[in-house]
Structures are given as structure tokens and as C-alpha cells.
Amino acid sequence: MNALLLAVALSQPPHLKQIEVERKYWNAPASRGGGAIESGKSSVDPATRTFHLGWNYEWGKGNHNRCDAVMKIDFVGNDDVKVTMTADWDTHGFANGREYFISAGSVFDRPQCAPNGTCHATIESTMKASDVKGSVVFGEDGGSIELRFVYDP
């Protein structure tokens, strides 16, 4: 009987307790601007499947650098996570073009965008649950997001 209970317990998937989210930004002011998600670590409900990253810099006289990135996840298989990452950039006041970059795991895109205006990119990647991360970049400004899944012992 004990062997049967052990077999049943081992066949059950682990229970997801929470998701830890860490956001980092580089080459940027201390604050990401109004409405932006600040850097740091947080824990969210295990049912959460959408995560935001981005900034909203206002340079004055209508000039700005904004990025709104969204990471959506779906669990596939026992240890894999499908990640869909989108980024929307809105820039004004830049004389020269800058690099636009988006990544999810080892998949990335470098959309060709005008130095002023809006730009959009979407990528998908399936990765191990132990290595879920993504990033967005505009020129020298950028940010990354990393998820860690915490299970009940």
C-alpha cells in the first residue's frame, strides 16, 4: 500500500507556489518615468501569465523614448515554457537611428525602425522553466526580465 501511495505522489506534477520576477535596466535614469515598471524583484500569484517591462522617458519639448514590452507564458510539457514576447517602441527627437532589439531565451529580432516614430516586434521561443528570460533594447537603453518558478516542497 505504501508503495502505491508513493507512486501516486511521485506521478503528480509539483504545485506551483509563486513566480518570482526580476527586472533590470541599464544606461538609464534612476526612474523609468511615469507609468513604467521599476527595476527590482517581486513575487506574483502562480496563475499570472503576463509580465510587463518598459520605460517612459520624457526629454522635454515633445522628445521621448518609450518602450512597452510584454512577456506572455504558457507551460508546455513537464519542464518547458512557451514565451511570446512583444515590444512597442515610440521615439521622438532622435537625429540618428538606434538599434532596436528584442529577445526571449536564444531567439531574438532586430527590427529595422526609423529613428523617430513607432515600431513593433513579436517573437516566440520555447525554453526550460529554469531559464525563462527576455530583453528589449533601444540604442544604449534597455531592460531585461527573468522569471523563477517556486514550487511547494
C-alpha atoms as a PDB file:
ATOM      1  CA  MET A   1       0.000   0.000   0.000  1.00  0.00           C
ATOM      2  CA  ASN A   2       2.813   2.466   0.872  1.00  0.00           C
ATOM      3  CA  ALA A   3       4.464   1.774  -2.492  1.00  0.00           C
ATOM      4  CA  LEU A   4       1.182   2.581  -4.256  1.00  0.00           C
ATOM      5  CA  LEU A   5       0.803   5.890  -2.356  1.00  0.00           C
ATOM      6  CA  LEU A   6       4.415   6.782  -3.154  1.00  0.00           C
ATOM      7  CA  ALA A   7       3.897   6.007  -6.845  1.00  0.00           C
ATOM      8  CA  VAL A   8       0.769   8.173  -6.956  1.00  0.00           C
ATOM      9  CA  ALA A   9       2.540  11.026  -5.140  1.00  0.00           C
ATOM     10  CA  LEU A  10       5.514  10.873  -7.498  1.00  0.00           C
ATOM     11  CA  SER A  11       3.264  10.923 -10.570  1.00  0.00           C
ATOM     12  CA  GLN A  12       1.591  14.186  -9.513  1.00  0.00           C
ATOM     13  CA  PRO A  13       3.076  17.356 -11.001  1.00  0.00           C
ATOM     14  CA  PRO A  14       4.640  19.711  -8.454  1.00  0.00           C
ATOM     15  CA  HIS A  15       2.403  22.510  -7.173  1.00  0.00           C
ATOM     16  CA  LEU A  16       3.492  25.979  -8.339  1.00  0.00           C
ATOM     17  CA  LYS A  17       3.556  28.205  -5.247  1.00  0.00           C
ATOM     18  CA  GLN A  18       4.590  31.569  -6.780  1.00  0.00           C
ATOM     19  CA  ILE A  19       6.509  33.204  -9.603  1.00  0.00           C
ATOM     20  CA  GLU A  20       9.448  35.453  -8.789  1.00  0.00           C
ATOM     21  CA  VAL A  21      10.038  38.259 -11.302  1.00  0.00           C
ATOM     22  CA  GLU A  22      13.249  40.257 -11.632  1.00  0.00           C
ATOM     23  CA  ARG A  23      13.540  43.319 -13.868  1.00  0.00           C
ATOM     24  CA  LYS A  24      16.805  45.142 -14.603  1.00  0.00           C
ATOM     25  CA  TYR A  25      17.510  48.265 -16.652  1.00  0.00           C
ATOM     26  CA  TRP A  26      20.817  49.699 -17.844  1.00  0.00           C
ATOM     27  CA  ASN A  27      22.131  53.077 -19.059  1.00  0.00           C
ATOM     28  CA  ALA A  28      19.018  54.791 -17.830  1.00  0.00           C
ATOM     29  CA  PRO A  29      17.907  57.391 -15.298  1.00  0.00           C
ATOM     30  CA  ALA A  30      17.086  56.140 -11.826  1.00  0.00           C
ATOM     31  CA  SER A  31      13.366  56.240 -12.664  1.00  0.00           C
ATOM     32  CA  ARG A  32      11.825  54.737 -15.775  1.00  0.00           C
ATOM     33  CA  GLY A  33       9.257  57.550 -15.934  1.00  0.00           C
ATOM     34  CA  GLY A  34       5.536  57.767 -15.258  1.00  0.00           C
ATOM     35  CA  GLY A  35       3.636  54.514 -15.701  1.00  0.00           C
ATOM     36  CA  ALA A  36       6.761  52.388 -16.190  1.00  0.00           C
ATOM     37  CA  ILE A  37       7.605  49.234 -14.269  1.00  0.00           C
ATOM     38  CA  GLU A  38      10.591  49.861 -11.992  1.00  0.00           C
ATOM     39  CA  SER A  39      13.543  47.500 -11.641  1.00  0.00           C
ATOM     40  CA  GLY A  40      13.799  45.016  -8.805  1.00  0.00           C
ATOM     41  CA  LYS A  41      12.389  41.720  -7.633  1.00  0.00           C
ATOM     42  CA  SER A  42       8.779  40.868  -6.891  1.00  0.00           C
ATOM     43  CA  SER A  43       6.652  37.776  -6.348  1.00  0.00           C
ATOM     44  CA  VAL A  44       3.349  37.238  -8.115  1.00  0.00           C
ATOM     45  CA  ASP A  45       0.466  34.802  -7.992  1.00  0.00           C
ATOM     46  CA  PRO A  46       1.222  31.452  -9.678  1.00  0.00           C
ATOM     47  CA  ALA A  47      -1.716  31.974 -12.077  1.00  0.00           C
ATOM     48  CA  THR A  48      -0.051  35.076 -13.590  1.00  0.00           C
ATOM     49  CA  ARG A  49       0.862  34.561 -17.246  1.00  0.00           C
ATOM     50  CA  THR A  50       1.565  38.143 -18.430  1.00  0.00           C
ATOM     51  CA  PHE A  51       4.557  40.235 -17.339  1.00  0.00           C
ATOM     52  CA  HIS A  52       5.491  43.811 -18.292  1.00  0.00           C
ATOM     53  CA  LEU A  53       8.810  45.556 -18.847  1.00  0.00           C
ATOM     54  CA  GLY A  54       9.491  49.036 -20.173  1.00  0.00           C
ATOM     55  CA  TRP A  55      10.206  52.692 -19.722  1.00  0.00           C
ATOM     56  CA  ASN A  56       8.776  56.139 -20.444  1.00  0.00           C
ATOM     57  CA  TYR A  57      11.499  58.795 -20.696  1.00  0.00           C
ATOM     58  CA  GLU A  58      10.420  62.369 -21.426  1.00  0.00           C
ATOM     59  CA  TRP A  59      13.280  64.584 -22.657  1.00  0.00           C
ATOM     60  CA  GLY A  60      11.245  67.797 -22.963  1.00  0.00           C
ATOM     61  CA  LYS A  61       9.875  69.715 -25.977  1.00  0.00           C
ATOM     62  CA  GLY A  62       7.923  66.615 -27.072  1.00  0.00           C
ATOM     63  CA  ASN A  63      11.019  64.405 -27.284  1.00  0.00           C
ATOM     64  CA  HIS A  64      10.709  60.986 -25.710  1.00  0.00           C
ATOM     65  CA  ASN A  65      11.869  57.359 -25.620  1.00  0.00           C
ATOM     66  CA  ARG A  66       9.186  54.843 -24.648  1.00  0.00           C
ATOM     67  CA  CYS A  67       9.116  51.076 -24.708  1.00  0.00           C
ATOM     68  CA  ASP A  68       6.325  48.767 -23.611  1.00  0.00           C
ATOM     69  CA  ALA A  69       7.307  45.095 -23.645  1.00  0.00           C
ATOM     70  CA  VAL A  70       5.069  42.188 -22.671  1.00  0.00           C
ATOM     71  CA  MET A  71       6.108  38.622 -21.913  1.00  0.00           C
ATOM     72  CA  LYS A  72       3.334  36.014 -22.020  1.00  0.00           C
ATOM     73  CA  ILE A  73       3.975  32.454 -20.898  1.00  0.00           C
ATOM     74  CA  ASP A  74       2.310  29.073 -21.340  1.00  0.00           C
ATOM     75  CA  PHE A  75       3.505  25.856 -19.740  1.00  0.00           C
ATOM     76  CA  VAL A  76       4.063  23.101 -22.332  1.00  0.00           C
ATOM     77  CA  GLY A  77       5.242  19.669 -21.281  1.00  0.00           C
ATOM     78  CA  ASN A  78       6.753  18.912 -17.903  1.00  0.00           C
ATOM     79  CA  ASP A  79       9.597  21.400 -17.879  1.00  0.00           C
ATOM     80  CA  ASP A  80       9.104  23.713 -20.867  1.00  0.00           C
ATOM     81  CA  VAL A  81       7.609  27.191 -21.128  1.00  0.00           C
ATOM     82  CA  LYS A  82       6.464  28.820 -24.365  1.00  0.00           C
ATOM     83  CA  VAL A  83       7.249  32.547 -24.274  1.00  0.00           C
ATOM     84  CA  THR A  84       5.695  35.150 -26.554  1.00  0.00           C
ATOM     85  CA  MET A  85       7.477  38.478 -26.217  1.00  0.00           C
ATOM     86  CA  THR A  86       6.237  41.695 -27.826  1.00  0.00           C
ATOM     87  CA  ALA A  87       7.745  45.166 -27.776  1.00  0.00           C
ATOM     88  CA  ASP A  88       6.336  48.506 -28.864  1.00  0.00           C
ATOM     89  CA  TRP A  89       8.735  51.426 -29.129  1.00  0.00           C
ATOM     90  CA  ASP A  90       7.717  55.076 -29.516  1.00  0.00           C
ATOM     91  CA  THR A  91      10.560  57.556 -30.019  1.00  0.00           C
ATOM     92  CA  HIS A  92      10.767  61.211 -30.987  1.00  0.00           C
ATOM     93  CA  GLY A  93      13.655  63.689 -31.135  1.00  0.00           C
ATOM     94  CA  PHE A  94      16.458  61.389 -32.289  1.00  0.00           C
ATOM     95  CA  ALA A  95      18.522  62.564 -35.273  1.00  0.00           C
ATOM     96  CA  ASN A  96      20.214  59.211 -35.852  1.00  0.00           C
ATOM     97  CA  GLY A  97      18.842  55.685 -35.924  1.00  0.00           C
ATOM     98  CA  ARG A  98      19.405  53.411 -32.946  1.00  0.00           C
ATOM     99  CA  GLU A  99      19.392  49.637 -32.651  1.00  0.00           C
ATOM    100  CA  TYR A 100      16.093  48.020 -31.721  1.00  0.00           C
ATOM    101  CA  PHE A 101      16.434  44.561 -30.191  1.00  0.00           C
ATOM    102  CA  ILE A 102      14.104  42.032 -28.560  1.00  0.00           C
ATOM    103  CA  SER A 103      14.941  38.583 -27.190  1.00  0.00           C
ATOM    104  CA  ALA A 104      13.302  35.639 -25.463  1.00  0.00           C
ATOM    105  CA  GLY A 105      15.792  32.968 -24.492  1.00  0.00           C
ATOM    106  CA  SER A 106      18.027  32.328 -27.512  1.00  0.00           C
ATOM    107  CA  VAL A 107      15.520  33.762 -30.033  1.00  0.00           C
ATOM    108  CA  PHE A 108      15.914  37.413 -30.989  1.00  0.00           C
ATOM    109  CA  ASP A 109      14.955  40.016 -33.570  1.00  0.00           C
ATOM    110  CA  ARG A 110      16.445  43.336 -34.657  1.00  0.00           C
ATOM    111  CA  PRO A 111      13.576  45.164 -36.345  1.00  0.00           C
ATOM    112  CA  GLN A 112      14.534  47.927 -38.743  1.00  0.00           C
ATOM    113  CA  CYS A 113      12.810  51.068 -37.483  1.00  0.00           C
ATOM    114  CA  ALA A 114      13.009  54.780 -38.228  1.00  0.00           C
ATOM    115  CA  PRO A 115      14.789  56.933 -35.603  1.00  0.00           C
ATOM    116  CA  ASN A 116      11.506  58.756 -34.894  1.00  0.00           C
ATOM    117  CA  GLY A 117       8.115  57.092 -34.722  1.00  0.00           C
ATOM    118  CA  THR A 118       6.735  53.767 -33.621  1.00  0.00           C
ATOM    119  CA  CYS A 119       7.992  50.226 -34.089  1.00  0.00           C
ATOM    120  CA  HIS A 120       6.673  46.781 -33.126  1.00  0.00           C
ATOM    121  CA  ALA A 121       8.219  43.317 -32.849  1.00  0.00           C
ATOM    122  CA  THR A 122       6.980  39.901 -31.690  1.00  0.00           C
ATOM    123  CA  ILE A 123       8.991  36.733 -31.107  1.00  0.00           C
ATOM    124  CA  GLU A 124       8.234  33.278 -29.709  1.00  0.00           C
ATOM    125  CA  SER A 125      10.504  30.786 -28.019  1.00  0.00           C
ATOM    126  CA  THR A 126      10.159  27.596 -26.001  1.00  0.00           C
ATOM    127  CA  MET A 127      12.658  27.266 -23.177  1.00  0.00           C
ATOM    128  CA  LYS A 128      13.274  25.325 -19.995  1.00  0.00           C
ATOM    129  CA  ALA A 129      11.307  26.582 -16.997  1.00  0.00           C
ATOM    130  CA  SER A 130      14.611  27.092 -15.184  1.00  0.00           C
ATOM    131  CA  ASP A 131      15.767  29.650 -17.787  1.00  0.00           C
ATOM    132  CA  VAL A 132      12.861  31.982 -18.690  1.00  0.00           C
ATOM    133  CA  LYS A 133      14.152  35.428 -19.629  1.00  0.00           C
ATOM    134  CA  GLY A 134      13.751  38.184 -22.180  1.00  0.00           C
ATOM    135  CA  SER A 135      15.074  41.638 -23.010  1.00  0.00           C
ATOM    136  CA  VAL A 136      14.361  44.781 -25.043  1.00  0.00           C
ATOM    137  CA  VAL A 137      16.807  47.459 -26.216  1.00  0.00           C
ATOM    138  CA  PHE A 138      16.697  50.877 -27.864  1.00  0.00           C
ATOM    139  CA  GLY A 139      20.198  52.181 -28.547  1.00  0.00           C
ATOM    140  CA  GLU A 140      22.048  52.114 -25.242  1.00  0.00           C
ATOM    141  CA  ASP A 141      18.858  51.910 -23.149  1.00  0.00           C
ATOM    142  CA  GLY A 142      17.482  48.503 -22.335  1.00  0.00           C
ATOM    143  CA  GLY A 143      15.891  46.181 -19.858  1.00  0.00           C
ATOM    144  CA  SER A 144      15.618  42.514 -19.029  1.00  0.00           C
ATOM    145  CA  ILE A 145      13.108  40.315 -17.261  1.00  0.00           C
ATOM    146  CA  GLU A 146      13.700  36.918 -15.690  1.00  0.00           C
ATOM    147  CA  LEU A 147      11.172  34.529 -14.140  1.00  0.00           C
ATOM    148  CA  ARG A 148      11.799  31.913 -11.471  1.00  0.00           C
ATOM    149  CA  PHE A 149       9.126  29.347 -10.662  1.00  0.00           C
ATOM    150  CA  VAL A 150       8.850  28.384  -6.985  1.00  0.00           C
ATOM    151  CA  TYR A 151       7.192  25.063  -6.148  1.00  0.00           C
ATOM    152  CA  ASP A 152       5.913  23.636  -2.870  1.00  0.00           C
ATOM    153  CA  PRO A 153       8.394  21.191  -1.361  1.00  0.00           C
END
